[in-house]
């Protein structure tokens, strides 16, 4: 019986290791997850994902989706990527950014609801200039992209355009 238990424990360990290797192989070519050195800021301790990943149903299809900051070590850049559960491939959402900015940036899940935008909060005419709404009404989960203690925007799935869009929530 002890041998069977030991074999089971080894089998579970091997399966977990295999799963983590397979998951890493599914990332976009040339991109990897941030390491502890690249995300060592103490404010990140408030989140189990260190504010580097968020999970939700971003496109409203009932399947879990994943958003993550990924690093391109060759170009020394990072970007927000989303893997939609229905597509099973990663898409970059927004621009690539310089590594020096990663230390202050984070993402977290935003639940469906009604949220006042930067335009709606009266942060200035430039936030309303391009027809930005005063309120964002989310029917699906979304991604809060923020600079710690500063500005933030929400990336949400636009059903009509079949893509992610950003809207400023603060300056």
N, C-alpha and C. Protein backbone atom coordinates (compact mmCIF):
# COMPACT_ATOMS: atom_id res chain seq x y z
N UNK A 1 0.83 -1.19 0.00
CA UNK A 1 0.00 0.00 0.00
C UNK A 1 0.87 1.26 0.00
N UNK A 2 1.98 1.24 0.76
CA UNK A 2 2.88 2.39 0.77
C UNK A 2 3.49 2.64 -0.60
N UNK A 3 3.84 1.55 -1.29
CA UNK A 3 4.39 1.69 -2.64
C UNK A 3 3.39 2.33 -3.59
N UNK A 4 2.12 1.94 -3.47
CA UNK A 4 1.07 2.52 -4.31
C UNK A 4 0.91 4.01 -4.04
N UNK A 5 0.95 4.39 -2.77
CA UNK A 5 0.83 5.79 -2.39
C UNK A 5 2.02 6.59 -2.91
N UNK A 6 3.21 6.04 -2.78
CA UNK A 6 4.41 6.72 -3.27
C UNK A 6 4.34 6.87 -4.79
N UNK A 7 3.89 5.85 -5.49
CA UNK A 7 3.76 5.93 -6.95
C UNK A 7 2.74 7.00 -7.35
N UNK A 8 1.65 7.08 -6.60
CA UNK A 8 0.62 8.08 -6.88
C UNK A 8 1.17 9.49 -6.69
N UNK A 9 1.92 9.70 -5.62
CA UNK A 9 2.51 11.01 -5.35
C UNK A 9 3.47 11.39 -6.47
N UNK A 10 4.31 10.46 -6.90
CA UNK A 10 5.26 10.73 -7.99
C UNK A 10 4.50 11.03 -9.28
N UNK A 11 3.47 10.27 -9.55
CA UNK A 11 2.67 10.48 -10.76
C UNK A 11 2.03 11.87 -10.76
N UNK A 12 1.48 12.28 -9.62
CA UNK A 12 0.88 13.61 -9.51
C UNK A 12 1.93 14.69 -9.75
N UNK A 13 3.11 14.52 -9.17
CA UNK A 13 4.19 15.50 -9.34
C UNK A 13 4.61 15.60 -10.80
N UNK A 14 4.78 14.47 -11.46
CA UNK A 14 5.18 14.45 -12.87
C UNK A 14 4.10 15.10 -13.74
N UNK A 15 2.85 14.81 -13.46
CA UNK A 15 1.75 15.41 -14.24
C UNK A 15 1.72 16.92 -14.06
N UNK A 16 1.94 17.39 -12.84
CA UNK A 16 1.94 18.84 -12.59
C UNK A 16 3.10 19.51 -13.32
N UNK A 17 4.27 18.89 -13.30
CA UNK A 17 5.42 19.45 -14.02
C UNK A 17 5.16 19.47 -15.52
N UNK A 18 4.59 18.40 -16.06
CA UNK A 18 4.29 18.33 -17.48
C UNK A 18 3.29 19.42 -17.86
N UNK A 19 2.28 19.62 -17.03
CA UNK A 19 1.27 20.64 -17.31
C UNK A 19 1.89 22.03 -17.34
N UNK A 20 2.82 22.34 -16.43
CA UNK A 20 3.45 23.66 -16.43
C UNK A 20 4.34 23.85 -17.65
N UNK A 21 5.01 22.81 -18.10
CA UNK A 21 5.84 22.91 -19.31
C UNK A 21 4.96 23.14 -20.53
N UNK A 22 3.86 22.40 -20.63
CA UNK A 22 2.94 22.56 -21.76
C UNK A 22 2.35 23.96 -21.76
N UNK A 23 1.95 24.46 -20.60
CA UNK A 23 1.38 25.80 -20.52
C UNK A 23 2.38 26.84 -20.99
N UNK A 24 3.64 26.71 -20.62
CA UNK A 24 4.66 27.67 -21.04
C UNK A 24 4.89 27.59 -22.54
N UNK A 25 4.75 26.40 -23.12
CA UNK A 25 4.95 26.25 -24.55
C UNK A 25 3.82 26.89 -25.36
N UNK A 26 2.68 27.11 -24.74
CA UNK A 26 1.54 27.69 -25.44
C UNK A 26 1.59 29.21 -25.52
N UNK A 27 2.59 29.83 -24.96
CA UNK A 27 2.71 31.29 -25.03
C UNK A 27 3.08 31.70 -26.44
N UNK A 28 2.82 32.96 -26.80
CA UNK A 28 3.21 33.42 -28.14
C UNK A 28 4.73 33.29 -28.32
N UNK A 29 5.12 32.98 -29.52
CA UNK A 29 6.55 32.77 -29.82
C UNK A 29 7.36 34.03 -29.48
N UNK A 30 8.44 33.82 -28.73
CA UNK A 30 9.33 34.92 -28.35
C UNK A 30 8.91 35.63 -27.07
N UNK A 31 7.83 35.21 -26.45
CA UNK A 31 7.31 35.86 -25.24
C UNK A 31 7.34 34.87 -24.09
N UNK A 32 7.51 35.39 -22.88
CA UNK A 32 7.53 34.57 -21.67
C UNK A 32 6.86 35.34 -20.54
N UNK A 33 6.59 34.63 -19.46
CA UNK A 33 6.03 35.27 -18.27
C UNK A 33 7.12 36.03 -17.53
N UNK A 34 6.72 37.06 -16.78
CA UNK A 34 7.67 37.83 -15.97
C UNK A 34 8.22 36.94 -14.86
N UNK A 35 9.49 37.17 -14.52
CA UNK A 35 10.08 36.43 -13.41
C UNK A 35 10.01 37.26 -12.14
N UNK A 36 10.44 36.68 -11.02
CA UNK A 36 10.33 37.36 -9.72
C UNK A 36 11.13 38.66 -9.67
N UNK A 37 12.25 38.71 -10.34
CA UNK A 37 13.06 39.92 -10.34
C UNK A 37 12.35 41.05 -11.07
N UNK A 38 11.67 40.73 -12.15
CA UNK A 38 10.98 41.74 -12.95
C UNK A 38 9.69 42.24 -12.29
N UNK A 39 9.21 41.51 -11.30
CA UNK A 39 7.97 41.89 -10.61
C UNK A 39 8.18 41.79 -9.10
N UNK A 40 9.21 42.46 -8.62
CA UNK A 40 9.59 42.33 -7.21
C UNK A 40 9.01 43.42 -6.29
N UNK A 41 8.27 44.35 -6.84
CA UNK A 41 7.75 45.46 -6.04
C UNK A 41 6.82 44.95 -4.94
N UNK A 42 6.93 45.55 -3.76
CA UNK A 42 6.15 45.07 -2.61
C UNK A 42 4.65 45.30 -2.77
N UNK A 43 4.23 46.30 -3.55
CA UNK A 43 2.79 46.51 -3.73
C UNK A 43 2.14 45.31 -4.42
N UNK A 44 2.92 44.52 -5.14
CA UNK A 44 2.40 43.34 -5.83
C UNK A 44 2.02 42.22 -4.86
N UNK A 45 2.52 42.30 -3.62
CA UNK A 45 2.23 41.26 -2.62
C UNK A 45 0.74 41.19 -2.29
N UNK A 46 -0.04 42.20 -2.65
CA UNK A 46 -1.47 42.23 -2.36
C UNK A 46 -2.28 41.30 -3.27
N UNK A 47 -1.62 40.72 -4.29
CA UNK A 47 -2.33 39.89 -5.25
C UNK A 47 -1.62 38.55 -5.43
N UNK A 48 -2.36 37.45 -5.47
CA UNK A 48 -1.73 36.14 -5.71
C UNK A 48 -1.10 36.05 -7.11
N UNK A 49 -1.57 36.87 -8.05
CA UNK A 49 -0.98 36.88 -9.39
C UNK A 49 0.06 37.99 -9.54
N UNK A 50 0.32 38.72 -8.45
CA UNK A 50 1.25 39.85 -8.43
C UNK A 50 0.81 40.93 -9.42
N UNK A 51 -0.49 40.97 -9.72
CA UNK A 51 -1.08 41.92 -10.67
C UNK A 51 -0.48 41.78 -12.08
N UNK A 52 -0.05 40.56 -12.40
CA UNK A 52 0.51 40.26 -13.72
C UNK A 52 -0.46 39.45 -14.58
N UNK A 53 -1.55 38.96 -13.99
CA UNK A 53 -2.51 38.13 -14.71
C UNK A 53 -3.91 38.33 -14.14
N UNK A 54 -4.89 38.10 -14.98
CA UNK A 54 -6.30 38.16 -14.56
C UNK A 54 -7.07 37.12 -15.36
N UNK A 55 -8.01 36.48 -14.70
CA UNK A 55 -8.85 35.48 -15.37
C UNK A 55 -10.30 35.90 -15.28
N UNK A 56 -11.02 35.69 -16.38
CA UNK A 56 -12.44 36.02 -16.42
C UNK A 56 -13.02 35.57 -17.75
N UNK A 57 -14.26 35.91 -17.98
CA UNK A 57 -14.91 35.64 -19.27
C UNK A 57 -15.01 36.97 -20.00
N UNK A 58 -13.95 37.35 -20.68
CA UNK A 58 -13.85 38.68 -21.28
C UNK A 58 -14.73 38.85 -22.52
N UNK A 59 -14.93 37.78 -23.29
CA UNK A 59 -15.72 37.91 -24.51
C UNK A 59 -17.15 37.41 -24.36
N UNK A 60 -17.53 36.97 -23.16
CA UNK A 60 -18.91 36.60 -22.89
C UNK A 60 -19.39 35.30 -23.50
N UNK A 61 -18.45 34.40 -23.84
CA UNK A 61 -18.86 33.13 -24.45
C UNK A 61 -19.02 32.01 -23.44
N UNK A 62 -18.85 32.32 -22.16
CA UNK A 62 -19.00 31.30 -21.12
C UNK A 62 -17.75 30.48 -20.87
N UNK A 63 -16.68 30.74 -21.63
CA UNK A 63 -15.42 30.01 -21.45
C UNK A 63 -14.41 30.92 -20.76
N UNK A 64 -13.58 30.33 -19.86
CA UNK A 64 -12.60 31.16 -19.15
C UNK A 64 -11.51 31.70 -20.09
N UNK A 65 -11.16 32.96 -19.89
CA UNK A 65 -10.12 33.63 -20.66
C UNK A 65 -9.03 34.07 -19.68
N UNK A 66 -7.83 34.32 -20.21
CA UNK A 66 -6.69 34.72 -19.38
C UNK A 66 -6.04 35.95 -19.99
N UNK A 67 -5.76 36.94 -19.14
CA UNK A 67 -4.99 38.12 -19.54
C UNK A 67 -3.68 38.09 -18.75
N UNK A 68 -2.57 38.38 -19.43
CA UNK A 68 -1.27 38.37 -18.74
C UNK A 68 -0.34 39.40 -19.36
N UNK A 69 0.54 39.94 -18.52
CA UNK A 69 1.68 40.70 -19.03
C UNK A 69 2.73 39.67 -19.43
N UNK A 70 3.20 39.75 -20.66
CA UNK A 70 4.26 38.87 -21.14
C UNK A 70 5.47 39.70 -21.53
N UNK A 71 6.62 39.09 -21.44
CA UNK A 71 7.91 39.74 -21.70
C UNK A 71 8.52 39.20 -22.98
N UNK A 72 9.03 40.10 -23.81
CA UNK A 72 9.85 39.69 -24.95
C UNK A 72 11.29 40.04 -24.60
N UNK A 73 12.09 39.06 -24.17
CA UNK A 73 13.45 39.36 -23.70
C UNK A 73 14.38 39.84 -24.82
N UNK A 74 14.13 39.45 -26.04
CA UNK A 74 14.97 39.89 -27.15
C UNK A 74 14.82 41.38 -27.40
N UNK A 75 13.57 41.84 -27.40
CA UNK A 75 13.31 43.26 -27.65
C UNK A 75 13.30 44.09 -26.37
N UNK A 76 13.38 43.39 -25.21
CA UNK A 76 13.33 44.07 -23.91
C UNK A 76 12.07 44.94 -23.80
N UNK A 77 10.94 44.29 -24.06
CA UNK A 77 9.64 44.95 -24.04
C UNK A 77 8.64 44.03 -23.35
N UNK A 78 7.53 44.61 -22.90
CA UNK A 78 6.43 43.83 -22.34
C UNK A 78 5.14 44.31 -22.97
N UNK A 79 4.12 43.45 -22.90
CA UNK A 79 2.82 43.81 -23.46
C UNK A 79 1.73 43.00 -22.76
N UNK A 80 0.51 43.48 -22.87
CA UNK A 80 -0.65 42.77 -22.37
C UNK A 80 -1.14 41.83 -23.46
N UNK A 81 -1.30 40.57 -23.10
CA UNK A 81 -1.83 39.55 -24.02
C UNK A 81 -3.06 38.93 -23.39
N UNK A 82 -3.98 38.48 -24.23
CA UNK A 82 -5.17 37.76 -23.77
C UNK A 82 -5.29 36.48 -24.59
N UNK A 83 -5.57 35.40 -23.86
CA UNK A 83 -5.90 34.14 -24.52
C UNK A 83 -7.38 33.88 -24.28
N UNK A 84 -8.16 34.00 -25.33
CA UNK A 84 -9.59 33.72 -25.23
C UNK A 84 -9.80 32.21 -25.25
N UNK A 85 -10.64 31.73 -24.35
CA UNK A 85 -10.87 30.30 -24.24
C UNK A 85 -11.42 29.68 -25.51
N UNK A 86 -12.19 30.43 -26.27
CA UNK A 86 -12.77 29.90 -27.51
C UNK A 86 -11.75 29.84 -28.63
N UNK A 87 -10.74 30.68 -28.58
CA UNK A 87 -9.76 30.73 -29.67
C UNK A 87 -8.51 29.92 -29.37
N UNK A 88 -8.16 29.75 -28.11
CA UNK A 88 -6.97 29.03 -27.68
C UNK A 88 -5.69 29.55 -28.32
N UNK A 89 -5.64 30.83 -28.61
CA UNK A 89 -4.39 31.46 -29.05
C UNK A 89 -4.33 32.85 -28.43
N UNK A 90 -3.13 33.34 -28.26
CA UNK A 90 -2.90 34.62 -27.60
C UNK A 90 -2.98 35.76 -28.59
N UNK A 91 -3.54 36.87 -28.16
CA UNK A 91 -3.53 38.09 -28.96
C UNK A 91 -3.02 39.24 -28.11
N UNK A 92 -2.19 40.05 -28.72
CA UNK A 92 -1.69 41.22 -27.99
C UNK A 92 -2.80 42.25 -27.95
N UNK A 93 -2.96 42.87 -26.77
CA UNK A 93 -3.97 43.90 -26.58
C UNK A 93 -3.22 45.18 -26.23
N UNK A 94 -3.19 46.12 -27.15
CA UNK A 94 -2.46 47.36 -26.92
C UNK A 94 -1.03 47.28 -27.42
N UNK A 95 -0.24 48.23 -27.00
CA UNK A 95 1.13 48.38 -27.50
C UNK A 95 2.14 47.63 -26.66
N UNK A 96 3.32 47.43 -27.25
CA UNK A 96 4.47 46.95 -26.48
C UNK A 96 5.02 48.15 -25.70
N UNK A 97 5.62 47.87 -24.55
CA UNK A 97 6.10 48.92 -23.66
C UNK A 97 7.54 48.64 -23.22
N UNK A 98 8.24 49.70 -22.83
CA UNK A 98 9.60 49.57 -22.34
C UNK A 98 9.59 48.86 -20.99
N UNK A 99 10.62 48.05 -20.74
CA UNK A 99 10.70 47.27 -19.51
C UNK A 99 10.67 48.14 -18.26
N UNK A 100 11.23 49.33 -18.33
CA UNK A 100 11.28 50.20 -17.14
C UNK A 100 9.89 50.54 -16.61
N UNK A 101 8.85 50.44 -17.45
CA UNK A 101 7.50 50.77 -17.02
C UNK A 101 6.80 49.61 -16.32
N UNK A 102 7.28 48.40 -16.49
CA UNK A 102 6.61 47.23 -15.93
C UNK A 102 6.49 47.31 -14.42
N UNK A 103 7.50 47.86 -13.74
CA UNK A 103 7.52 47.90 -12.28
C UNK A 103 6.32 48.60 -11.66
N UNK A 104 5.72 49.53 -12.35
CA UNK A 104 4.58 50.26 -11.80
C UNK A 104 3.25 49.85 -12.38
N UNK A 105 3.24 48.90 -13.31
CA UNK A 105 2.00 48.54 -14.00
C UNK A 105 1.42 47.23 -13.49
N UNK A 106 0.09 47.15 -13.52
CA UNK A 106 -0.59 45.94 -13.10
C UNK A 106 -1.91 45.77 -13.82
N UNK A 107 -2.46 44.58 -13.69
CA UNK A 107 -3.80 44.30 -14.21
C UNK A 107 -4.59 43.56 -13.15
N UNK A 108 -5.90 43.74 -13.20
CA UNK A 108 -6.80 42.98 -12.34
C UNK A 108 -8.15 42.88 -13.03
N UNK A 109 -8.95 41.96 -12.55
CA UNK A 109 -10.26 41.70 -13.12
C UNK A 109 -11.25 42.81 -12.76
N UNK A 110 -12.09 43.17 -13.72
CA UNK A 110 -13.21 44.08 -13.50
C UNK A 110 -14.47 43.29 -13.81
N UNK A 111 -15.40 43.27 -12.88
CA UNK A 111 -16.65 42.53 -13.05
C UNK A 111 -17.66 43.38 -13.85
N UNK A 112 -18.65 42.73 -14.46
CA UNK A 112 -19.69 43.49 -15.17
C UNK A 112 -20.36 44.51 -14.25
N UNK A 113 -20.74 45.62 -14.85
CA UNK A 113 -21.38 46.68 -14.08
C UNK A 113 -21.26 48.01 -14.80
N UNK A 114 -21.66 49.07 -14.11
CA UNK A 114 -21.62 50.43 -14.65
C UNK A 114 -20.54 51.20 -13.91
N UNK A 115 -19.61 51.79 -14.68
CA UNK A 115 -18.45 52.49 -14.11
C UNK A 115 -18.31 53.88 -14.73
N UNK A 116 -18.07 54.89 -13.88
CA UNK A 116 -17.80 56.24 -14.38
C UNK A 116 -16.42 56.27 -15.02
N UNK A 117 -16.34 56.84 -16.21
CA UNK A 117 -15.07 56.95 -16.93
C UNK A 117 -14.37 58.25 -16.53
N UNK A 118 -13.17 58.46 -17.06
CA UNK A 118 -12.46 59.72 -16.81
C UNK A 118 -13.30 60.89 -17.31
N UNK A 119 -13.96 60.72 -18.43
CA UNK A 119 -14.84 61.76 -18.97
C UNK A 119 -15.98 62.03 -17.99
N UNK A 120 -16.61 60.97 -17.48
CA UNK A 120 -17.72 61.10 -16.55
C UNK A 120 -17.32 61.66 -15.20
N UNK A 121 -16.07 61.49 -14.82
CA UNK A 121 -15.57 62.00 -13.54
C UNK A 121 -15.10 63.44 -13.66
N UNK A 122 -15.13 63.99 -14.89
CA UNK A 122 -14.75 65.37 -15.10
C UNK A 122 -13.26 65.64 -15.06
N UNK A 123 -12.46 64.67 -15.49
CA UNK A 123 -11.01 64.83 -15.47
C UNK A 123 -10.49 65.80 -16.54
N UNK A 124 -11.31 66.23 -17.42
CA UNK A 124 -10.88 67.19 -18.43
C UNK A 124 -11.50 66.90 -19.78
N UNK A 125 -11.57 67.94 -20.58
CA UNK A 125 -12.20 67.86 -21.89
C UNK A 125 -11.49 66.85 -22.81
N UNK A 126 -10.16 66.68 -22.64
CA UNK A 126 -9.43 65.75 -23.51
C UNK A 126 -9.93 64.31 -23.35
N UNK A 127 -10.53 63.99 -22.21
CA UNK A 127 -11.05 62.64 -22.00
C UNK A 127 -12.42 62.45 -22.65
N UNK A 128 -13.07 63.53 -23.02
CA UNK A 128 -14.38 63.45 -23.66
C UNK A 128 -14.30 63.81 -25.15
N UNK A 129 -13.13 64.21 -25.61
CA UNK A 129 -12.96 64.78 -26.95
C UNK A 129 -13.36 63.84 -28.09
N UNK A 130 -13.16 62.57 -27.96
CA UNK A 130 -13.41 61.64 -29.06
C UNK A 130 -14.69 60.84 -28.86
N UNK A 131 -15.65 61.48 -28.23
CA UNK A 131 -16.94 60.82 -28.02
C UNK A 131 -16.93 59.76 -26.94
N UNK A 132 -15.98 59.85 -26.02
CA UNK A 132 -15.92 58.87 -24.93
C UNK A 132 -17.16 59.02 -24.06
N UNK A 133 -17.73 57.91 -23.65
CA UNK A 133 -18.93 57.99 -22.80
C UNK A 133 -18.57 58.40 -21.37
N UNK A 134 -19.56 58.89 -20.66
CA UNK A 134 -19.36 59.25 -19.25
C UNK A 134 -19.39 58.01 -18.37
N UNK A 135 -20.05 56.97 -18.86
CA UNK A 135 -20.13 55.72 -18.11
C UNK A 135 -19.82 54.56 -19.04
N UNK A 136 -19.15 53.56 -18.50
CA UNK A 136 -18.88 52.33 -19.22
C UNK A 136 -19.79 51.26 -18.62
N UNK A 137 -20.61 50.66 -19.47
CA UNK A 137 -21.51 49.60 -19.02
C UNK A 137 -20.94 48.27 -19.54
N UNK A 138 -20.46 47.47 -18.61
CA UNK A 138 -19.86 46.18 -18.97
C UNK A 138 -20.85 45.06 -18.76
N UNK A 139 -21.05 44.26 -19.80
CA UNK A 139 -21.90 43.08 -19.68
C UNK A 139 -21.06 41.83 -19.47
N UNK A 140 -19.73 41.95 -19.63
CA UNK A 140 -18.81 40.84 -19.42
C UNK A 140 -17.67 41.32 -18.51
N UNK A 141 -16.86 40.38 -18.07
CA UNK A 141 -15.66 40.74 -17.32
C UNK A 141 -14.75 41.58 -18.22
N UNK A 142 -13.88 42.37 -17.60
CA UNK A 142 -12.94 43.21 -18.34
C UNK A 142 -11.61 43.25 -17.57
N UNK A 143 -10.65 43.98 -18.12
CA UNK A 143 -9.31 44.04 -17.56
C UNK A 143 -8.99 45.48 -17.16
N UNK A 144 -8.68 45.67 -15.90
CA UNK A 144 -8.24 46.98 -15.42
C UNK A 144 -6.72 47.03 -15.58
N UNK A 145 -6.25 47.90 -16.44
CA UNK A 145 -4.82 48.12 -16.67
C UNK A 145 -4.48 49.40 -15.94
N UNK A 146 -3.60 49.30 -14.92
CA UNK A 146 -3.36 50.47 -14.08
C UNK A 146 -1.88 50.68 -13.79
N UNK A 147 -1.57 51.93 -13.49
CA UNK A 147 -0.26 52.30 -12.98
C UNK A 147 -0.45 52.49 -11.49
N UNK A 148 0.28 51.76 -10.68
CA UNK A 148 0.11 51.77 -9.23
C UNK A 148 0.05 53.19 -8.70
N UNK A 149 -1.05 53.51 -8.02
CA UNK A 149 -1.24 54.82 -7.40
C UNK A 149 -1.46 55.95 -8.38
N UNK A 150 -1.83 55.62 -9.64
CA UNK A 150 -1.95 56.67 -10.65
C UNK A 150 -3.09 56.33 -11.61
N UNK A 151 -2.84 56.49 -12.88
CA UNK A 151 -3.86 56.35 -13.92
C UNK A 151 -4.28 54.90 -14.14
N UNK A 152 -5.49 54.74 -14.69
CA UNK A 152 -5.90 53.40 -15.12
C UNK A 152 -6.90 53.50 -16.27
N UNK A 153 -6.95 52.41 -17.01
CA UNK A 153 -7.91 52.28 -18.10
C UNK A 153 -8.46 50.86 -18.06
N UNK A 154 -9.56 50.67 -18.73
CA UNK A 154 -10.17 49.34 -18.80
C UNK A 154 -10.13 48.87 -20.24
N UNK A 155 -9.66 47.63 -20.41
CA UNK A 155 -9.71 46.95 -21.70
C UNK A 155 -10.94 46.05 -21.66
N UNK A 156 -11.86 46.27 -22.57
CA UNK A 156 -13.09 45.48 -22.60
C UNK A 156 -13.34 44.95 -24.01
N UNK A 157 -14.07 43.86 -24.09
CA UNK A 157 -14.37 43.22 -25.37
C UNK A 157 -15.54 43.95 -26.03
N UNK A 158 -15.30 44.46 -27.23
CA UNK A 158 -16.33 45.12 -28.03
C UNK A 158 -16.95 44.06 -28.93
N UNK A 159 -18.19 43.66 -28.60
CA UNK A 159 -18.87 42.60 -29.34
C UNK A 159 -19.07 42.96 -30.82
N UNK A 160 -19.36 44.22 -31.11
CA UNK A 160 -19.61 44.64 -32.49
C UNK A 160 -18.35 44.57 -33.34
N UNK A 161 -17.22 44.99 -32.77
CA UNK A 161 -15.96 45.02 -33.51
C UNK A 161 -15.15 43.74 -33.35
N UNK A 162 -15.59 42.87 -32.42
CA UNK A 162 -14.92 41.60 -32.19
C UNK A 162 -13.44 41.78 -31.80
N UNK A 163 -13.20 42.75 -30.93
CA UNK A 163 -11.84 43.07 -30.49
C UNK A 163 -11.89 43.77 -29.14
N UNK A 164 -10.72 43.95 -28.53
CA UNK A 164 -10.65 44.70 -27.28
C UNK A 164 -10.53 46.19 -27.58
N UNK A 165 -11.13 46.99 -26.70
CA UNK A 165 -11.01 48.45 -26.77
C UNK A 165 -10.62 48.95 -25.38
N UNK A 166 -9.97 50.09 -25.34
CA UNK A 166 -9.57 50.71 -24.09
C UNK A 166 -10.38 51.97 -23.84
N UNK A 167 -10.64 52.23 -22.57
CA UNK A 167 -11.25 53.49 -22.19
C UNK A 167 -10.58 53.98 -20.90
N UNK A 168 -10.25 55.27 -20.85
CA UNK A 168 -9.61 55.84 -19.67
C UNK A 168 -10.62 55.94 -18.53
N UNK A 169 -10.15 55.52 -17.34
CA UNK A 169 -10.98 55.58 -16.15
C UNK A 169 -10.50 56.66 -15.18
N UNK A 170 -9.22 57.02 -15.27
CA UNK A 170 -8.68 58.13 -14.47
C UNK A 170 -7.43 58.64 -15.17
N UNK A 171 -6.95 59.79 -14.68
CA UNK A 171 -5.77 60.38 -15.32
C UNK A 171 -4.49 60.02 -14.59
